[in-house]
Amino acid sequence: MAAIKTILGLLIAVVLGVVGFAYSGLYNVAADDPHFGVTR
């Protein structure tokens, strides 16, 4: 039972970390930035 709680806790922490990173503004998740010159 302790292993399940540990895995569930880690999973929740990872999900919260990913969501927090996306909302922090460090990674541009919008589609309004121009692409590289080769792909235009």
N, C-alpha and C. Protein backbone atom coordinates (compact mmCIF):
# COMPACT_ATOMS: atom_id res chain seq x y z
N MET A 1 0.81 -1.20 0.00
CA MET A 1 0.00 0.00 0.00
C MET A 1 0.86 1.26 0.00
N ALA A 2 1.98 1.22 0.66
CA ALA A 2 2.87 2.38 0.70
C ALA A 2 3.43 2.69 -0.69
N ALA A 3 3.70 1.63 -1.47
CA ALA A 3 4.23 1.84 -2.81
C ALA A 3 3.20 2.52 -3.70
N ILE A 4 1.94 2.16 -3.56
CA ILE A 4 0.88 2.77 -4.36
C ILE A 4 0.75 4.26 -4.01
N LYS A 5 0.81 4.57 -2.72
CA LYS A 5 0.72 5.97 -2.30
C LYS A 5 1.91 6.76 -2.82
N THR A 6 3.08 6.16 -2.81
CA THR A 6 4.27 6.84 -3.30
C THR A 6 4.17 7.11 -4.80
N ILE A 7 3.76 6.13 -5.55
CA ILE A 7 3.62 6.28 -7.00
C ILE A 7 2.54 7.30 -7.33
N LEU A 8 1.43 7.26 -6.62
CA LEU A 8 0.35 8.22 -6.85
C LEU A 8 0.81 9.63 -6.51
N GLY A 9 1.54 9.78 -5.42
CA GLY A 9 2.07 11.09 -5.05
C GLY A 9 3.03 11.63 -6.08
N LEU A 10 3.90 10.78 -6.58
CA LEU A 10 4.85 11.21 -7.62
C LEU A 10 4.13 11.60 -8.91
N LEU A 11 3.12 10.84 -9.26
CA LEU A 11 2.36 11.13 -10.46
C LEU A 11 1.66 12.48 -10.35
N ILE A 12 1.06 12.74 -9.20
CA ILE A 12 0.40 14.02 -8.98
C ILE A 12 1.42 15.16 -9.03
N ALA A 13 2.58 14.95 -8.42
CA ALA A 13 3.62 15.98 -8.42
C ALA A 13 4.10 16.27 -9.84
N VAL A 14 4.26 15.25 -10.65
CA VAL A 14 4.71 15.45 -12.04
C VAL A 14 3.66 16.21 -12.84
N VAL A 15 2.40 15.82 -12.69
CA VAL A 15 1.32 16.51 -13.41
C VAL A 15 1.25 17.97 -13.01
N LEU A 16 1.31 18.24 -11.70
CA LEU A 16 1.29 19.63 -11.24
C LEU A 16 2.51 20.41 -11.73
N GLY A 17 3.66 19.75 -11.79
CA GLY A 17 4.87 20.40 -12.29
C GLY A 17 4.76 20.76 -13.76
N VAL A 18 4.22 19.86 -14.55
CA VAL A 18 4.06 20.12 -15.99
C VAL A 18 3.06 21.25 -16.21
N VAL A 19 1.94 21.21 -15.51
CA VAL A 19 0.93 22.26 -15.65
C VAL A 19 1.51 23.60 -15.18
N GLY A 20 2.22 23.58 -14.08
CA GLY A 20 2.83 24.80 -13.58
C GLY A 20 3.85 25.36 -14.54
N PHE A 21 4.63 24.50 -15.15
CA PHE A 21 5.63 24.94 -16.13
C PHE A 21 4.96 25.55 -17.35
N ALA A 22 3.87 24.94 -17.81
CA ALA A 22 3.17 25.46 -18.99
C ALA A 22 2.56 26.82 -18.69
N TYR A 23 2.01 27.00 -17.50
CA TYR A 23 1.36 28.27 -17.15
C TYR A 23 2.36 29.33 -16.68
N SER A 24 3.60 28.95 -16.45
CA SER A 24 4.58 29.91 -15.94
C SER A 24 5.02 30.89 -17.02
N GLY A 25 4.88 30.53 -18.27
CA GLY A 25 5.29 31.40 -19.36
C GLY A 25 6.70 31.11 -19.84
N LEU A 26 7.38 30.17 -19.22
CA LEU A 26 8.74 29.83 -19.67
C LEU A 26 8.72 29.10 -21.00
N TYR A 27 7.62 28.39 -21.29
CA TYR A 27 7.49 27.66 -22.54
C TYR A 27 6.30 28.23 -23.30
N ASN A 28 6.50 28.63 -24.53
CA ASN A 28 5.44 29.23 -25.33
C ASN A 28 4.53 28.15 -25.88
N VAL A 29 3.32 28.04 -25.33
CA VAL A 29 2.38 27.04 -25.79
C VAL A 29 1.41 27.61 -26.82
N ALA A 30 1.50 28.90 -27.10
CA ALA A 30 0.62 29.53 -28.09
C ALA A 30 1.14 29.26 -29.49
N ALA A 31 0.25 29.42 -30.46
CA ALA A 31 0.62 29.17 -31.86
C ALA A 31 0.80 30.48 -32.62
N ASP A 32 1.16 31.55 -31.92
CA ASP A 32 1.27 32.83 -32.60
C ASP A 32 2.70 33.28 -32.84
N ASP A 33 3.67 32.45 -32.52
CA ASP A 33 5.07 32.75 -32.80
C ASP A 33 5.42 32.30 -34.21
N PRO A 34 6.17 33.11 -34.97
CA PRO A 34 6.58 32.68 -36.31
C PRO A 34 7.49 31.44 -36.24
N HIS A 35 7.42 30.65 -37.25
CA HIS A 35 8.27 29.46 -37.34
C HIS A 35 9.66 29.83 -37.84
N PHE A 36 10.51 28.83 -37.93
CA PHE A 36 11.84 29.05 -38.47
C PHE A 36 11.74 29.45 -39.95
N GLY A 37 12.77 30.10 -40.45
CA GLY A 37 12.77 30.55 -41.83
C GLY A 37 12.56 29.44 -42.84
N VAL A 38 13.08 28.27 -42.56
CA VAL A 38 12.97 27.15 -43.50
C VAL A 38 11.52 26.68 -43.63
N THR A 39 10.74 26.79 -42.57
CA THR A 39 9.38 26.25 -42.60
C THR A 39 8.32 27.29 -43.00
N ARG A 40 8.73 28.50 -43.30
CA ARG A 40 7.74 29.51 -43.71
C ARG A 40 7.34 29.35 -45.13
